[in-house]
Amino acid sequence: MTTEQIAKVQAYLIKRFGGQNITLRPRKVADSVEVYLDDEILGLLYIDDEDADDISYDLNISILQQDLDEMKA
């Protein structure tokens, strides 16, 4: 993903989810970035740009059972 694409998607996620603490951080592979809320990784965001006229992004959020169990306390 380009720096411009990362900035656009980050701005969209901040606006959509209403949180200024969402950041996207590049990875060593060019097809995805890490998505963080504050300093905690939420998941990965992939770009699908096989068709240059129809680019889309896929957000995969990981939720650990341990995190759910901690919410009960």
N, C-alpha and C. Protein backbone atom coordinates (compact mmCIF):
# COMPACT_ATOMS: atom_id res chain seq x y z
N MET A 1 0.84 -1.17 0.00
CA MET A 1 0.00 0.00 0.00
C MET A 1 0.89 1.24 0.00
N THR A 2 0.46 2.24 -0.71
CA THR A 2 1.22 3.48 -0.75
C THR A 2 0.94 4.31 0.50
N THR A 3 1.80 5.25 0.75
CA THR A 3 1.62 6.16 1.89
C THR A 3 0.30 6.91 1.76
N GLU A 4 -0.05 7.31 0.55
CA GLU A 4 -1.31 8.02 0.31
C GLU A 4 -2.51 7.13 0.61
N GLN A 5 -2.47 5.88 0.17
CA GLN A 5 -3.57 4.95 0.44
C GLN A 5 -3.72 4.73 1.95
N ILE A 6 -2.61 4.55 2.63
CA ILE A 6 -2.64 4.33 4.07
C ILE A 6 -3.28 5.52 4.77
N ALA A 7 -2.89 6.72 4.39
CA ALA A 7 -3.44 7.94 5.02
C ALA A 7 -4.94 8.06 4.77
N LYS A 8 -5.38 7.76 3.55
CA LYS A 8 -6.81 7.86 3.22
C LYS A 8 -7.64 6.84 4.01
N VAL A 9 -7.16 5.62 4.08
CA VAL A 9 -7.89 4.58 4.80
C VAL A 9 -7.89 4.87 6.29
N GLN A 10 -6.78 5.34 6.82
CA GLN A 10 -6.72 5.69 8.25
C GLN A 10 -7.72 6.80 8.56
N ALA A 11 -7.77 7.83 7.74
CA ALA A 11 -8.73 8.92 7.95
C ALA A 11 -10.16 8.41 7.89
N TYR A 12 -10.43 7.49 6.98
CA TYR A 12 -11.78 6.90 6.87
C TYR A 12 -12.13 6.15 8.15
N LEU A 13 -11.22 5.31 8.63
CA LEU A 13 -11.50 4.52 9.84
C LEU A 13 -11.70 5.41 11.06
N ILE A 14 -10.90 6.46 11.17
CA ILE A 14 -11.06 7.40 12.29
C ILE A 14 -12.44 8.03 12.24
N LYS A 15 -12.84 8.48 11.06
CA LYS A 15 -14.15 9.11 10.93
C LYS A 15 -15.27 8.11 11.15
N ARG A 16 -15.14 6.93 10.58
CA ARG A 16 -16.21 5.92 10.65
C ARG A 16 -16.40 5.40 12.06
N PHE A 17 -15.31 5.15 12.77
CA PHE A 17 -15.39 4.59 14.12
C PHE A 17 -15.30 5.65 15.20
N GLY A 18 -15.11 6.91 14.83
CA GLY A 18 -15.09 8.00 15.79
C GLY A 18 -13.95 7.95 16.78
N GLY A 19 -12.80 7.46 16.33
CA GLY A 19 -11.68 7.37 17.25
C GLY A 19 -10.41 7.94 16.66
N GLN A 20 -9.83 8.89 17.35
CA GLN A 20 -8.59 9.50 16.89
C GLN A 20 -7.37 8.60 17.14
N ASN A 21 -7.54 7.55 17.90
CA ASN A 21 -6.41 6.72 18.29
C ASN A 21 -6.20 5.52 17.37
N ILE A 22 -6.82 5.53 16.20
CA ILE A 22 -6.63 4.45 15.23
C ILE A 22 -5.46 4.83 14.33
N THR A 23 -4.48 3.93 14.23
CA THR A 23 -3.35 4.17 13.34
C THR A 23 -3.10 2.93 12.49
N LEU A 24 -2.60 3.17 11.29
CA LEU A 24 -2.20 2.09 10.39
C LEU A 24 -0.69 2.14 10.26
N ARG A 25 -0.08 0.99 10.42
CA ARG A 25 1.38 0.91 10.36
C ARG A 25 1.79 -0.07 9.28
N PRO A 26 2.70 0.37 8.41
CA PRO A 26 3.15 -0.51 7.31
C PRO A 26 3.80 -1.79 7.83
N ARG A 27 3.73 -2.82 7.00
CA ARG A 27 4.39 -4.08 7.28
C ARG A 27 5.48 -4.28 6.24
N LYS A 28 6.24 -5.36 6.37
CA LYS A 28 7.27 -5.65 5.38
C LYS A 28 6.67 -6.08 4.05
N VAL A 29 5.46 -6.64 4.08
CA VAL A 29 4.78 -7.01 2.85
C VAL A 29 3.93 -5.83 2.39
N ALA A 30 3.86 -5.63 1.09
CA ALA A 30 3.24 -4.42 0.54
C ALA A 30 1.72 -4.48 0.46
N ASP A 31 1.13 -5.66 0.64
CA ASP A 31 -0.31 -5.79 0.43
C ASP A 31 -1.15 -5.56 1.68
N SER A 32 -0.51 -5.18 2.81
CA SER A 32 -1.28 -5.02 4.04
C SER A 32 -0.58 -4.09 5.02
N VAL A 33 -1.36 -3.63 6.00
CA VAL A 33 -0.85 -2.82 7.10
C VAL A 33 -1.44 -3.35 8.40
N GLU A 34 -0.81 -3.03 9.51
CA GLU A 34 -1.34 -3.37 10.83
C GLU A 34 -2.24 -2.25 11.30
N VAL A 35 -3.35 -2.60 11.93
CA VAL A 35 -4.30 -1.62 12.45
C VAL A 35 -4.18 -1.62 13.97
N TYR A 36 -3.93 -0.43 14.53
CA TYR A 36 -3.77 -0.28 15.97
C TYR A 36 -4.83 0.65 16.54
N LEU A 37 -5.25 0.35 17.76
CA LEU A 37 -6.06 1.25 18.57
C LEU A 37 -5.20 1.57 19.78
N ASP A 38 -4.80 2.82 19.92
CA ASP A 38 -3.77 3.21 20.88
C ASP A 38 -2.52 2.41 20.53
N ASP A 39 -1.99 1.63 21.44
CA ASP A 39 -0.79 0.84 21.16
C ASP A 39 -1.09 -0.65 21.04
N GLU A 40 -2.37 -1.00 20.91
CA GLU A 40 -2.76 -2.41 20.83
C GLU A 40 -3.17 -2.75 19.39
N ILE A 41 -2.58 -3.81 18.87
CA ILE A 41 -2.91 -4.21 17.51
C ILE A 41 -4.31 -4.84 17.49
N LEU A 42 -5.12 -4.38 16.54
CA LEU A 42 -6.47 -4.93 16.36
C LEU A 42 -6.51 -5.99 15.30
N GLY A 43 -5.73 -5.80 14.25
CA GLY A 43 -5.76 -6.76 13.15
C GLY A 43 -4.98 -6.24 11.96
N LEU A 44 -5.33 -6.78 10.80
CA LEU A 44 -4.64 -6.44 9.56
C LEU A 44 -5.64 -5.92 8.54
N LEU A 45 -5.18 -4.99 7.72
CA LEU A 45 -5.98 -4.46 6.64
C LEU A 45 -5.24 -4.76 5.34
N TYR A 46 -5.93 -5.47 4.43
CA TYR A 46 -5.35 -5.87 3.16
C TYR A 46 -5.95 -5.05 2.03
N ILE A 47 -5.15 -4.81 0.99
CA ILE A 47 -5.64 -4.14 -0.20
C ILE A 47 -5.84 -5.18 -1.30
N ASP A 48 -6.94 -5.05 -2.02
CA ASP A 48 -7.21 -5.88 -3.19
C ASP A 48 -7.20 -4.95 -4.39
N ASP A 49 -6.08 -4.93 -5.10
CA ASP A 49 -5.94 -4.02 -6.22
C ASP A 49 -5.62 -4.75 -7.53
N GLU A 50 -6.09 -5.98 -7.63
CA GLU A 50 -5.88 -6.74 -8.87
C GLU A 50 -6.51 -6.04 -10.06
N ASP A 51 -7.67 -5.43 -9.84
CA ASP A 51 -8.34 -4.65 -10.87
C ASP A 51 -8.18 -3.18 -10.49
N ALA A 52 -7.32 -2.45 -11.20
CA ALA A 52 -6.99 -1.07 -10.85
C ALA A 52 -8.22 -0.16 -10.79
N ASP A 53 -9.28 -0.53 -11.49
CA ASP A 53 -10.49 0.29 -11.49
C ASP A 53 -11.41 -0.02 -10.31
N ASP A 54 -11.11 -1.07 -9.57
CA ASP A 54 -12.00 -1.52 -8.50
C ASP A 54 -11.17 -1.94 -7.29
N ILE A 55 -10.56 -0.98 -6.61
CA ILE A 55 -9.73 -1.27 -5.44
C ILE A 55 -10.62 -1.39 -4.21
N SER A 56 -10.35 -2.37 -3.38
CA SER A 56 -11.08 -2.53 -2.13
C SER A 56 -10.09 -2.89 -1.01
N TYR A 57 -10.57 -2.75 0.22
CA TYR A 57 -9.75 -3.03 1.40
C TYR A 57 -10.51 -4.00 2.29
N ASP A 58 -9.79 -4.94 2.88
CA ASP A 58 -10.38 -5.96 3.72
C ASP A 58 -9.77 -5.86 5.11
N LEU A 59 -10.60 -5.56 6.11
CA LEU A 59 -10.14 -5.42 7.48
C LEU A 59 -10.44 -6.68 8.27
N ASN A 60 -9.39 -7.32 8.78
CA ASN A 60 -9.52 -8.52 9.60
C ASN A 60 -9.13 -8.17 11.03
N ILE A 61 -10.10 -8.25 11.94
CA ILE A 61 -9.85 -7.93 13.34
C ILE A 61 -9.79 -9.24 14.14
N SER A 62 -8.75 -9.37 14.94
CA SER A 62 -8.58 -10.55 15.78
C SER A 62 -9.07 -10.25 17.18
N ILE A 63 -9.89 -11.14 17.72
CA ILE A 63 -10.38 -11.02 19.09
C ILE A 63 -10.02 -12.31 19.82
N LEU A 64 -9.19 -12.17 20.83
CA LEU A 64 -8.76 -13.34 21.60
C LEU A 64 -9.78 -13.68 22.68
N GLN A 65 -9.97 -14.95 22.93
CA GLN A 65 -10.87 -15.39 24.00
C GLN A 65 -10.44 -14.78 25.32
N GLN A 66 -9.14 -14.70 25.54
CA GLN A 66 -8.60 -14.11 26.77
C GLN A 66 -9.11 -12.68 26.95
N ASP A 67 -9.15 -11.91 25.86
CA ASP A 67 -9.64 -10.54 25.95
C ASP A 67 -11.12 -10.50 26.32
N LEU A 68 -11.90 -11.43 25.77
CA LEU A 68 -13.32 -11.50 26.12
C LEU A 68 -13.51 -11.87 27.58
N ASP A 69 -12.71 -12.81 28.06
CA ASP A 69 -12.80 -13.23 29.47
C ASP A 69 -12.45 -12.08 30.41
N GLU A 70 -11.49 -11.24 30.02
CA GLU A 70 -11.09 -10.11 30.85
C GLU A 70 -12.19 -9.05 30.92
N MET A 71 -13.06 -8.99 29.93
CA MET A 71 -14.16 -8.03 29.91
C MET A 71 -15.19 -8.35 30.99
N LYS A 72 -15.31 -9.62 31.37
CA LYS A 72 -16.29 -10.06 32.38
C LYS A 72 -15.92 -9.54 33.77
N ALA A 73 -14.63 -9.39 33.98
CA ALA A 73 -14.15 -9.02 35.33
C ALA A 73 -14.45 -7.59 35.67
